[in-house]
Amino acid sequence: MQVNIFEAKNRLSQLIKSVQAGEEVVIANRGEPVARLVPARATPSAASGTGSARAILDWLERHPLPDYARRSVAEIDSAIEQERRSWD
Protein backbone atom coordinates (compact mmCIF):
# COMPACT_ATOMS: atom_id res chain seq x y z
CA MET A 1 0.00 0.00 0.00
CA GLN A 2 1.24 3.52 -0.74
CA VAL A 3 0.09 6.64 1.10
CA ASN A 4 1.18 10.26 1.00
CA ILE A 5 2.80 11.95 4.00
CA PHE A 6 -0.35 13.82 5.02
CA GLU A 7 -2.40 10.61 4.97
CA ALA A 8 0.33 8.75 6.88
CA LYS A 9 0.29 11.39 9.62
CA ASN A 10 -3.48 11.20 9.92
CA ARG A 11 -3.71 7.39 9.79
CA LEU A 12 -0.51 6.33 11.55
CA SER A 13 -2.25 4.02 14.03
CA GLN A 14 -4.11 2.24 11.22
CA LEU A 15 -0.94 1.96 9.15
CA ILE A 16 0.95 0.46 12.09
CA LYS A 17 -1.81 -2.15 12.48
CA SER A 18 -1.49 -2.99 8.78
CA VAL A 19 2.26 -3.36 9.16
CA GLN A 20 1.80 -5.58 12.22
CA ALA A 21 -0.43 -7.76 10.06
CA GLY A 22 2.48 -8.19 7.64
CA GLU A 23 1.67 -5.53 5.07
CA GLU A 24 4.31 -3.15 3.74
CA VAL A 25 3.40 0.55 3.65
CA VAL A 26 5.23 2.96 1.36
CA ILE A 27 5.09 6.64 2.28
CA ALA A 28 5.35 9.02 -0.66
CA ASN A 29 6.05 12.72 -1.02
CA ARG A 30 4.16 14.04 -4.05
CA GLY A 31 3.92 10.54 -5.46
CA GLU A 32 7.64 9.77 -4.98
CA PRO A 33 8.32 6.96 -2.46
CA VAL A 34 10.50 8.24 0.38
CA ALA A 35 10.03 5.74 3.23
CA ARG A 36 8.86 2.22 3.87
CA LEU A 37 7.18 0.74 6.94
CA VAL A 38 7.79 -3.00 7.30
CA PRO A 39 7.21 -5.44 10.15
CA ALA A 40 10.09 -5.33 12.63
CA ARG A 41 10.54 -9.09 12.43
CA ALA A 42 11.27 -8.74 8.70
CA THR A 43 14.31 -6.55 9.32
CA PRO A 44 17.73 -7.66 10.60
CA SER A 45 18.13 -7.52 14.35
CA ALA A 46 20.11 -4.48 15.40
CA ALA A 47 20.66 -6.02 18.81
CA SER A 48 22.36 -9.10 17.40
CA GLY A 49 24.27 -7.13 14.81
CA THR A 50 23.91 -9.97 12.34
CA GLY A 51 22.20 -7.85 9.72
CA SER A 52 24.79 -5.11 9.71
CA ALA A 53 27.71 -7.52 9.94
CA ARG A 54 26.35 -9.52 7.01
CA ALA A 55 25.94 -6.31 5.00
CA ILE A 56 29.54 -5.29 5.73
CA LEU A 57 30.88 -8.71 4.75
CA ASP A 58 28.82 -8.68 1.55
CA TRP A 59 30.12 -5.21 0.70
CA LEU A 60 33.73 -6.24 1.36
CA GLU A 61 33.32 -9.24 -0.94
CA ARG A 62 32.15 -6.92 -3.72
CA HIS A 63 34.78 -4.25 -2.95
CA PRO A 64 37.99 -5.97 -1.86
CA LEU A 65 40.78 -3.90 -0.37
CA PRO A 66 43.60 -3.03 -2.76
CA ASP A 67 46.82 -4.97 -2.22
CA TYR A 68 48.63 -1.96 -0.72
CA ALA A 69 45.98 -1.71 2.02
CA ARG A 70 46.07 -5.38 3.03
CA ARG A 71 48.02 -6.24 6.15
CA SER A 72 48.62 -9.49 7.98
CA VAL A 73 47.41 -9.96 11.53
CA ALA A 74 51.04 -9.76 12.72
CA GLU A 75 51.54 -6.42 10.91
CA ILE A 76 48.37 -5.01 12.42
CA ASP A 77 49.31 -6.24 15.91
CA SER A 78 52.75 -4.67 15.53
CA ALA A 79 51.29 -1.33 14.40
CA ILE A 80 48.88 -1.30 17.35
CA GLU A 81 51.68 -2.12 19.78
CA GLN A 82 53.87 0.65 18.36
CA GLU A 83 51.01 3.12 18.64
CA ARG A 84 50.37 2.11 22.26
CA ARG A 85 54.05 2.54 23.13
CA SER A 86 54.06 6.03 21.63
CA TRP A 87 51.50 7.08 24.25
CA ASP A 88 53.71 6.08 27.18
PDB file of N, CA and C in Angstrom:
ATOM      1  N   MET A   1       0.847  -1.161   0.000  1.00  0.00           N
ATOM      2  CA  MET A   1       0.000   0.000   0.000  1.00  0.00           C
ATOM      3  C   MET A   1       0.898   1.232   0.000  1.00  0.00           C
ATOM      4  N   GLN A   2       0.495   2.267  -0.730  1.00  0.00           N
ATOM      5  CA  GLN A   2       1.244   3.520  -0.742  1.00  0.00           C
ATOM      6  C   GLN A   2       0.329   4.642  -0.281  1.00  0.00           C
ATOM      7  N   VAL A   3       0.841   5.485   0.612  1.00  0.00           N
ATOM      8  CA  VAL A   3       0.090   6.640   1.105  1.00  0.00           C
ATOM      9  C   VAL A   3       0.996   7.860   1.044  1.00  0.00           C
ATOM     10  N   ASN A   4       0.370   9.042   0.971  1.00  0.00           N
ATOM     11  CA  ASN A   4       1.183  10.256   1.004  1.00  0.00           C
ATOM     12  C   ASN A   4       1.474  10.640   2.459  1.00  0.00           C
ATOM     13  N   ILE A   5       2.366  11.574   2.646  1.00  0.00           N
ATOM     14  CA  ILE A   5       2.805  11.948   3.998  1.00  0.00           C
ATOM     15  C   ILE A   5       1.632  12.439   4.847  1.00  0.00           C
ATOM     16  N   PHE A   6       0.795  13.285   4.281  1.00  0.00           N
ATOM     17  CA  PHE A   6      -0.351  13.819   5.024  1.00  0.00           C
ATOM     18  C   PHE A   6      -1.250  12.688   5.513  1.00  0.00           C
ATOM     19  N   GLU A   7      -1.554  11.750   4.609  1.00  0.00           N
ATOM     20  CA  GLU A   7      -2.395  10.609   4.970  1.00  0.00           C
ATOM     21  C   GLU A   7      -1.713   9.740   6.026  1.00  0.00           C
ATOM     22  N   ALA A   8      -0.408   9.556   5.902  1.00  0.00           N
ATOM     23  CA  ALA A   8       0.332   8.746   6.877  1.00  0.00           C
ATOM     24  C   ALA A   8       0.255   9.380   8.264  1.00  0.00           C
ATOM     25  N   LYS A   9       0.384  10.705   8.326  1.00  0.00           N
ATOM     26  CA  LYS A   9       0.295  11.385   9.623  1.00  0.00           C
ATOM     27  C   LYS A   9      -1.089  11.208  10.238  1.00  0.00           C
ATOM     28  N   ASN A  10      -2.113  11.291   9.418  1.00  0.00           N
ATOM     29  CA  ASN A  10      -3.481  11.202   9.923  1.00  0.00           C
ATOM     30  C   ASN A  10      -3.916   9.778  10.244  1.00  0.00           C
ATOM     31  N   ARG A  11      -3.285   8.783   9.620  1.00  0.00           N
ATOM     32  CA  ARG A  11      -3.708   7.388   9.791  1.00  0.00           C
ATOM     33  C   ARG A  11      -2.603   6.514  10.371  1.00  0.00           C
ATOM     34  N   LEU A  12      -1.667   7.092  11.084  1.00  0.00           N
ATOM     35  CA  LEU A  12      -0.511   6.332  11.547  1.00  0.00           C
ATOM     36  C   LEU A  12      -0.905   5.081  12.331  1.00  0.00           C
ATOM     37  N   SER A  13      -1.843   5.189  13.238  1.00  0.00           N
ATOM     38  CA  SER A  13      -2.248   4.016  14.028  1.00  0.00           C
ATOM     39  C   SER A  13      -2.769   2.900  13.135  1.00  0.00           C
ATOM     40  N   GLN A  14      -3.589   3.244  12.151  1.00  0.00           N
ATOM     41  CA  GLN A  14      -4.113   2.237  11.220  1.00  0.00           C
ATOM     42  C   GLN A  14      -2.983   1.621  10.393  1.00  0.00           C
ATOM     43  N   LEU A  15      -2.059   2.458   9.955  1.00  0.00           N
ATOM     44  CA  LEU A  15      -0.945   1.957   9.145  1.00  0.00           C
ATOM     45  C   LEU A  15      -0.073   1.004   9.955  1.00  0.00           C
ATOM     46  N   ILE A  16       0.154   1.341  11.221  1.00  0.00           N
ATOM     47  CA  ILE A  16       0.948   0.461  12.088  1.00  0.00           C
ATOM     48  C   ILE A  16       0.251  -0.891  12.234  1.00  0.00           C
ATOM     49  N   LYS A  17      -1.068  -0.879  12.392  1.00  0.00           N
ATOM     50  CA  LYS A  17      -1.806  -2.149  12.484  1.00  0.00           C
ATOM     51  C   LYS A  17      -1.649  -2.964  11.203  1.00  0.00           C
ATOM     52  N   SER A  18      -1.683  -2.293  10.061  1.00  0.00           N
ATOM     53  CA  SER A  18      -1.491  -2.992   8.783  1.00  0.00           C
ATOM     54  C   SER A  18      -0.103  -3.611   8.709  1.00  0.00           C
ATOM     55  N   VAL A  19       0.885  -2.864   9.172  1.00  0.00           N
ATOM     56  CA  VAL A  19       2.263  -3.365   9.161  1.00  0.00           C
ATOM     57  C   VAL A  19       2.391  -4.551  10.108  1.00  0.00           C
ATOM     58  N   GLN A  20       1.768  -4.457  11.277  1.00  0.00           N
ATOM     59  CA  GLN A  20       1.803  -5.577  12.220  1.00  0.00           C
ATOM     60  C   GLN A  20       1.170  -6.833  11.624  1.00  0.00           C
ATOM     61  N   ALA A  21       0.229  -6.636  10.718  1.00  0.00           N
ATOM     62  CA  ALA A  21      -0.429  -7.764  10.058  1.00  0.00           C
ATOM     63  C   ALA A  21       0.412  -8.304   8.898  1.00  0.00           C
ATOM     64  N   GLY A  22       1.578  -7.684   8.672  1.00  0.00           N
ATOM     65  CA  GLY A  22       2.482  -8.194   7.642  1.00  0.00           C
ATOM     66  C   GLY A  22       2.513  -7.387   6.362  1.00  0.00           C
ATOM     67  N   GLU A  23       1.709  -6.342   6.289  1.00  0.00           N
ATOM     68  CA  GLU A  23       1.670  -5.532   5.073  1.00  0.00           C
ATOM     69  C   GLU A  23       2.810  -4.510   5.066  1.00  0.00           C
ATOM     70  N   GLU A  24       3.291  -4.187   3.893  1.00  0.00           N
ATOM     71  CA  GLU A  24       4.308  -3.149   3.737  1.00  0.00           C
ATOM     72  C   GLU A  24       3.602  -1.862   3.333  1.00  0.00           C
ATOM     73  N   VAL A  25       3.991  -0.745   3.958  1.00  0.00           N
ATOM     74  CA  VAL A  25       3.400   0.551   3.648  1.00  0.00           C
ATOM     75  C   VAL A  25       4.504   1.462   3.130  1.00  0.00           C
ATOM     76  N   VAL A  26       4.279   2.017   1.944  1.00  0.00           N
ATOM     77  CA  VAL A  26       5.228   2.958   1.356  1.00  0.00           C
ATOM     78  C   VAL A  26       4.662   4.353   1.563  1.00  0.00           C
ATOM     79  N   ILE A  27       5.498   5.257   2.075  1.00  0.00           N
ATOM     80  CA  ILE A  27       5.086   6.643   2.279  1.00  0.00           C
ATOM     81  C   ILE A  27       5.725   7.468   1.172  1.00  0.00           C
ATOM     82  N   ALA A  28       4.884   8.251   0.490  1.00  0.00           N
ATOM     83  CA  ALA A  28       5.354   9.016  -0.664  1.00  0.00           C
ATOM     84  C   ALA A  28       5.220  10.511  -0.410  1.00  0.00           C
ATOM     85  N   ASN A  29       6.099  11.258  -1.036  1.00  0.00           N
ATOM     86  CA  ASN A  29       6.048  12.715  -1.021  1.00  0.00           C
ATOM     87  C   ASN A  29       5.785  13.145  -2.459  1.00  0.00           C
ATOM     88  N   ARG A  30       4.580  13.644  -2.698  1.00  0.00           N
ATOM     89  CA  ARG A  30       4.162  14.038  -4.046  1.00  0.00           C
ATOM     90  C   ARG A  30       4.304  12.885  -5.040  1.00  0.00           C
ATOM     91  N   GLY A  31       3.905  11.715  -4.594  1.00  0.00           N
ATOM     92  CA  GLY A  31       3.925  10.544  -5.456  1.00  0.00           C
ATOM     93  C   GLY A  31       5.254   9.816  -5.532  1.00  0.00           C
ATOM     94  N   GLU A  32       6.298  10.375  -4.954  1.00  0.00           N
ATOM     95  CA  GLU A  32       7.639   9.771  -4.977  1.00  0.00           C
ATOM     96  C   GLU A  32       7.881   9.028  -3.662  1.00  0.00           C
ATOM     97  N   PRO A  33       8.072   7.707  -3.697  1.00  0.00           N
ATOM     98  CA  PRO A  33       8.322   6.959  -2.456  1.00  0.00           C
ATOM     99  C   PRO A  33       9.555   7.484  -1.719  1.00  0.00           C
ATOM    100  N   VAL A  34       9.389   7.732  -0.420  1.00  0.00           N
ATOM    101  CA  VAL A  34      10.503   8.242   0.383  1.00  0.00           C
ATOM    102  C   VAL A  34      10.784   7.394   1.622  1.00  0.00           C
ATOM    103  N   ALA A  35       9.830   6.566   2.031  1.00  0.00           N
ATOM    104  CA  ALA A  35      10.026   5.743   3.227  1.00  0.00           C
ATOM    105  C   ALA A  35       9.175   4.488   3.102  1.00  0.00           C
ATOM    106  N   ARG A  36       9.561   3.497   3.912  1.00  0.00           N
ATOM    107  CA  ARG A  36       8.860   2.222   3.872  1.00  0.00           C
ATOM    108  C   ARG A  36       8.678   1.727   5.297  1.00  0.00           C
ATOM    109  N   LEU A  37       7.470   1.354   5.648  1.00  0.00           N
ATOM    110  CA  LEU A  37       7.182   0.737   6.943  1.00  0.00           C
ATOM    111  C   LEU A  37       7.045  -0.758   6.704  1.00  0.00           C
ATOM    112  N   VAL A  38       7.842  -1.538   7.419  1.00  0.00           N
ATOM    113  CA  VAL A  38       7.794  -2.996   7.299  1.00  0.00           C
ATOM    114  C   VAL A  38       7.743  -3.589   8.696  1.00  0.00           C
ATOM    115  N   PRO A  39       7.227  -4.806   8.826  1.00  0.00           N
ATOM    116  CA  PRO A  39       7.210  -5.437  10.146  1.00  0.00           C
ATOM    117  C   PRO A  39       8.625  -5.547  10.713  1.00  0.00           C
ATOM    118  N   ALA A  40       8.767  -5.297  11.991  1.00  0.00           N
ATOM    119  CA  ALA A  40      10.085  -5.333  12.632  1.00  0.00           C
ATOM    120  C   ALA A  40      10.732  -6.699  12.499  1.00  0.00           C
ATOM    121  N   ARG A  41       9.954  -7.752  12.533  1.00  0.00           N
ATOM    122  CA  ARG A  41      10.536  -9.093  12.434  1.00  0.00           C
ATOM    123  C   ARG A  41      11.123  -9.360  11.050  1.00  0.00           C
ATOM    124  N   ALA A  42      10.761  -8.547  10.054  1.00  0.00           N
ATOM    125  CA  ALA A  42      11.266  -8.740   8.698  1.00  0.00           C
ATOM    126  C   ALA A  42      12.597  -8.032   8.475  1.00  0.00           C
ATOM    127  N   THR A  43      13.050  -7.275   9.474  1.00  0.00           N
ATOM    128  CA  THR A  43      14.308  -6.553   9.323  1.00  0.00           C
ATOM    129  C   THR A  43      15.381  -7.233  10.159  1.00  0.00           C
ATOM    130  N   PRO A  44      16.657  -7.063   9.794  1.00  0.00           N
ATOM    131  CA  PRO A  44      17.730  -7.657  10.597  1.00  0.00           C
ATOM    132  C   PRO A  44      17.709  -7.111  12.017  1.00  0.00           C
ATOM    133  N   SER A  45      18.112  -7.913  12.947  1.00  0.00           N
ATOM    134  CA  SER A  45      18.131  -7.519  14.348  1.00  0.00           C
ATOM    135  C   SER A  45      19.315  -6.612  14.631  1.00  0.00           C
ATOM    136  N   ALA A  46      19.033  -5.395  15.054  1.00  0.00           N
ATOM    137  CA  ALA A  46      20.110  -4.476  15.400  1.00  0.00           C
ATOM    138  C   ALA A  46      20.820  -4.947  16.663  1.00  0.00           C
ATOM    139  N   ALA A  47      20.062  -5.564  17.560  1.00  0.00           N
ATOM    140  CA  ALA A  47      20.660  -6.024  18.810  1.00  0.00           C
ATOM    141  C   ALA A  47      21.695  -7.108  18.568  1.00  0.00           C
ATOM    142  N   SER A  48      21.406  -8.011  17.656  1.00  0.00           N
ATOM    143  CA  SER A  48      22.356  -9.097  17.402  1.00  0.00           C
ATOM    144  C   SER A  48      23.491  -8.645  16.504  1.00  0.00           C
ATOM    145  N   GLY A  49      23.236  -7.614  15.716  1.00  0.00           N
ATOM    146  CA  GLY A  49      24.266  -7.127  14.812  1.00  0.00           C
ATOM    147  C   GLY A  49      24.451  -7.992  13.584  1.00  0.00           C
ATOM    148  N   THR A  50      23.691  -9.055  13.467  1.00  0.00           N
ATOM    149  CA  THR A  50      23.906  -9.969  12.344  1.00  0.00           C
ATOM    150  C   THR A  50      23.576  -9.328  11.014  1.00  0.00           C
ATOM    151  N   GLY A  51      22.561  -8.499  10.979  1.00  0.00           N
ATOM    152  CA  GLY A  51      22.197  -7.852   9.721  1.00  0.00           C
ATOM    153  C   GLY A  51      23.274  -6.916   9.237  1.00  0.00           C
ATOM    154  N   SER A  52      23.775  -6.065  10.122  1.00  0.00           N
ATOM    155  CA  SER A  52      24.786  -5.106   9.711  1.00  0.00           C
ATOM    156  C   SER A  52      26.112  -5.790   9.423  1.00  0.00           C
ATOM    157  N   ALA A  53      26.461  -6.796  10.191  1.00  0.00           N
ATOM    158  CA  ALA A  53      27.712  -7.516   9.939  1.00  0.00           C
ATOM    159  C   ALA A  53      27.647  -8.225   8.595  1.00  0.00           C
ATOM    160  N   ARG A  54      26.516  -8.829   8.298  1.00  0.00           N
ATOM    161  CA  ARG A  54      26.348  -9.517   7.010  1.00  0.00           C
ATOM    162  C   ARG A  54      26.466  -8.516   5.870  1.00  0.00           C
ATOM    163  N   ALA A  55      25.872  -7.340   6.040  1.00  0.00           N
ATOM    164  CA  ALA A  55      25.937  -6.312   5.000  1.00  0.00           C
ATOM    165  C   ALA A  55      27.374  -5.854   4.779  1.00  0.00           C
ATOM    166  N   ILE A  56      28.135  -5.704   5.855  1.00  0.00           N
ATOM    167  CA  ILE A  56      29.537  -5.293   5.733  1.00  0.00           C
ATOM    168  C   ILE A  56      30.342  -6.364   5.018  1.00  0.00           C
ATOM    169  N   LEU A  57      30.151  -7.620   5.406  1.00  0.00           N
ATOM    170  CA  LEU A  57      30.882  -8.712   4.753  1.00  0.00           C
ATOM    171  C   LEU A  57      30.521  -8.816   3.276  1.00  0.00           C
ATOM    172  N   ASP A  58      29.242  -8.654   2.959  1.00  0.00           N
ATOM    173  CA  ASP A  58      28.823  -8.684   1.554  1.00  0.00           C
ATOM    174  C   ASP A  58      29.479  -7.551   0.772  1.00  0.00           C
ATOM    175  N   TRP A  59      29.509  -6.355   1.372  1.00  0.00           N
ATOM    176  CA  TRP A  59      30.120  -5.209   0.702  1.00  0.00           C
ATOM    177  C   TRP A  59      31.613  -5.455   0.481  1.00  0.00           C
ATOM    178  N   LEU A  60      32.293  -5.980   1.497  1.00  0.00           N
ATOM    179  CA  LEU A  60      33.726  -6.243   1.360  1.00  0.00           C
ATOM    180  C   LEU A  60      34.016  -7.282   0.281  1.00  0.00           C
ATOM    181  N   GLU A  61      33.131  -8.252   0.125  1.00  0.00           N
ATOM    182  CA  GLU A  61      33.320  -9.240  -0.938  1.00  0.00           C
ATOM    183  C   GLU A  61      33.206  -8.589  -2.312  1.00  0.00           C
ATOM    184  N   ARG A  62      32.324  -7.611  -2.432  1.00  0.00           N
ATOM    185  CA  ARG A  62      32.145  -6.923  -3.715  1.00  0.00           C
ATOM    186  C   ARG A  62      33.193  -5.838  -3.942  1.00  0.00           C
ATOM    187  N   HIS A  63      33.798  -5.331  -2.859  1.00  0.00           N
ATOM    188  CA  HIS A  63      34.779  -4.247  -2.952  1.00  0.00           C
ATOM    189  C   HIS A  63      36.027  -4.616  -2.148  1.00  0.00           C
ATOM    190  N   PRO A  64      36.817  -5.550  -2.633  1.00  0.00           N
ATOM    191  CA  PRO A  64      37.987  -5.972  -1.857  1.00  0.00           C
ATOM    192  C   PRO A  64      38.997  -4.833  -1.699  1.00  0.00           C
ATOM    193  N   LEU A  65      39.745  -4.900  -0.608  1.00  0.00           N
ATOM    194  CA  LEU A  65      40.784  -3.903  -0.374  1.00  0.00           C
ATOM    195  C   LEU A  65      41.879  -4.047  -1.418  1.00  0.00           C
ATOM    196  N   PRO A  66      42.467  -2.930  -1.842  1.00  0.00           N
ATOM    197  CA  PRO A  66      43.603  -3.033  -2.763  1.00  0.00           C
ATOM    198  C   PRO A  66      44.789  -3.676  -2.046  1.00  0.00           C
ATOM    199  N   ASP A  67      45.683  -4.261  -2.807  1.00  0.00           N
ATOM    200  CA  ASP A  67      46.824  -4.969  -2.223  1.00  0.00           C
ATOM    201  C   ASP A  67      47.620  -4.101  -1.251  1.00  0.00           C
ATOM    202  N   TYR A  68      47.814  -2.812  -1.586  1.00  0.00           N
ATOM    203  CA  TYR A  68      48.633  -1.960  -0.721  1.00  0.00           C
ATOM    204  C   TYR A  68      47.983  -1.718   0.641  1.00  0.00           C
ATOM    205  N   ALA A  69      46.680  -1.946   0.755  1.00  0.00           N
ATOM    206  CA  ALA A  69      45.980  -1.715   2.019  1.00  0.00           C
ATOM    207  C   ALA A  69      45.843  -2.981   2.860  1.00  0.00           C
ATOM    208  N   ARG A  70      46.199  -4.116   2.297  1.00  0.00           N
ATOM    209  CA  ARG A  70      46.066  -5.380   3.029  1.00  0.00           C
ATOM    210  C   ARG A  70      47.257  -5.573   3.955  1.00  0.00           C
ATOM    211  N   ARG A  71      46.976  -5.995   5.162  1.00  0.00           N
ATOM    212  CA  ARG A  71      48.023  -6.242   6.146  1.00  0.00           C
ATOM    213  C   ARG A  71      47.740  -7.569   6.834  1.00  0.00           C
ATOM    214  N   SER A  72      48.802  -8.237   7.239  1.00  0.00           N
ATOM    215  CA  SER A  72      48.624  -9.485   7.979  1.00  0.00           C
ATOM    216  C   SER A  72      48.249  -9.152   9.421  1.00  0.00           C
ATOM    217  N   VAL A  73      47.761 -10.143  10.123  1.00  0.00           N
ATOM    218  CA  VAL A  73      47.414  -9.956  11.530  1.00  0.00           C
ATOM    219  C   VAL A  73      48.647  -9.517  12.306  1.00  0.00           C
ATOM    220  N   ALA A  74      49.802 -10.114  12.016  1.00  0.00           N
ATOM    221  CA  ALA A  74      51.044  -9.759  12.716  1.00  0.00           C
ATOM    222  C   ALA A  74      51.407  -8.295  12.464  1.00  0.00           C
ATOM    223  N   GLU A  75      51.235  -7.825  11.217  1.00  0.00           N
ATOM    224  CA  GLU A  75      51.543  -6.422  10.909  1.00  0.00           C
ATOM    225  C   GLU A  75      50.597  -5.477  11.645  1.00  0.00           C
ATOM    226  N   ILE A  76      49.340  -5.842  11.713  1.00  0.00           N
ATOM    227  CA  ILE A  76      48.366  -5.005  12.419  1.00  0.00           C
ATOM    228  C   ILE A  76      48.665  -4.989  13.909  1.00  0.00           C
ATOM    229  N   ASP A  77      48.951  -6.165  14.488  1.00  0.00           N
ATOM    230  CA  ASP A  77      49.308  -6.237  15.909  1.00  0.00           C
ATOM    231  C   ASP A  77      50.529  -5.387  16.208  1.00  0.00           C
ATOM    232  N   SER A  78      51.522  -5.450  15.341  1.00  0.00           N
ATOM    233  CA  SER A  78      52.747  -4.669  15.526  1.00  0.00           C
ATOM    234  C   SER A  78      52.451  -3.172  15.473  1.00  0.00           C
ATOM    235  N   ALA A  79      51.639  -2.754  14.525  1.00  0.00           N
ATOM    236  CA  ALA A  79      51.295  -1.335  14.403  1.00  0.00           C
ATOM    237  C   ALA A  79      50.536  -0.850  15.633  1.00  0.00           C
ATOM    238  N   ILE A  80      49.627  -1.673  16.142  1.00  0.00           N
ATOM    239  CA  ILE A  80      48.875  -1.304  17.346  1.00  0.00           C
ATOM    240  C   ILE A  80      49.819  -1.186  18.535  1.00  0.00           C
ATOM    241  N   GLU A  81      50.718  -2.145  18.675  1.00  0.00           N
ATOM    242  CA  GLU A  81      51.677  -2.120  19.785  1.00  0.00           C
ATOM    243  C   GLU A  81      52.568  -0.882  19.710  1.00  0.00           C
ATOM    244  N   GLN A  82      53.043  -0.548  18.528  1.00  0.00           N
ATOM    245  CA  GLN A  82      53.872   0.653  18.362  1.00  0.00           C
ATOM    246  C   GLN A  82      53.089   1.908  18.731  1.00  0.00           C
ATOM    247  N   GLU A  83      51.838   1.965  18.320  1.00  0.00           N
ATOM    248  CA  GLU A  83      51.005   3.119  18.644  1.00  0.00           C
ATOM    249  C   GLU A  83      50.787   3.225  20.150  1.00  0.00           C
ATOM    250  N   ARG A  84      50.564   2.099  20.808  1.00  0.00           N
ATOM    251  CA  ARG A  84      50.373   2.109  22.263  1.00  0.00           C
ATOM    252  C   ARG A  84      51.630   2.589  22.973  1.00  0.00           C
ATOM    253  N   ARG A  85      52.786   2.117  22.507  1.00  0.00           N
ATOM    254  CA  ARG A  85      54.052   2.537  23.132  1.00  0.00           C
ATOM    255  C   ARG A  85      54.288   4.029  22.971  1.00  0.00           C
ATOM    256  N   SER A  86      53.830   4.596  21.872  1.00  0.00           N
ATOM    257  CA  SER A  86      54.056   6.026  21.634  1.00  0.00           C
ATOM    258  C   SER A  86      53.281   6.897  22.619  1.00  0.00           C
ATOM    259  N   TRP A  87      52.281   6.329  23.276  1.00  0.00           N
ATOM    260  CA  TRP A  87      51.497   7.085  24.249  1.00  0.00           C
ATOM    261  C   TRP A  87      52.111   7.049  25.645  1.00  0.00           C
ATOM    262  N   ASP A  88      53.091   6.181  25.853  1.00  0.00           N
ATOM    263  CA  ASP A  88      53.714   6.077  27.183  1.00  0.00           C
ATOM    264  C   ASP A  88      54.709   7.176  27.421  1.00  0.00           C
TER     265      ASP A  88
END
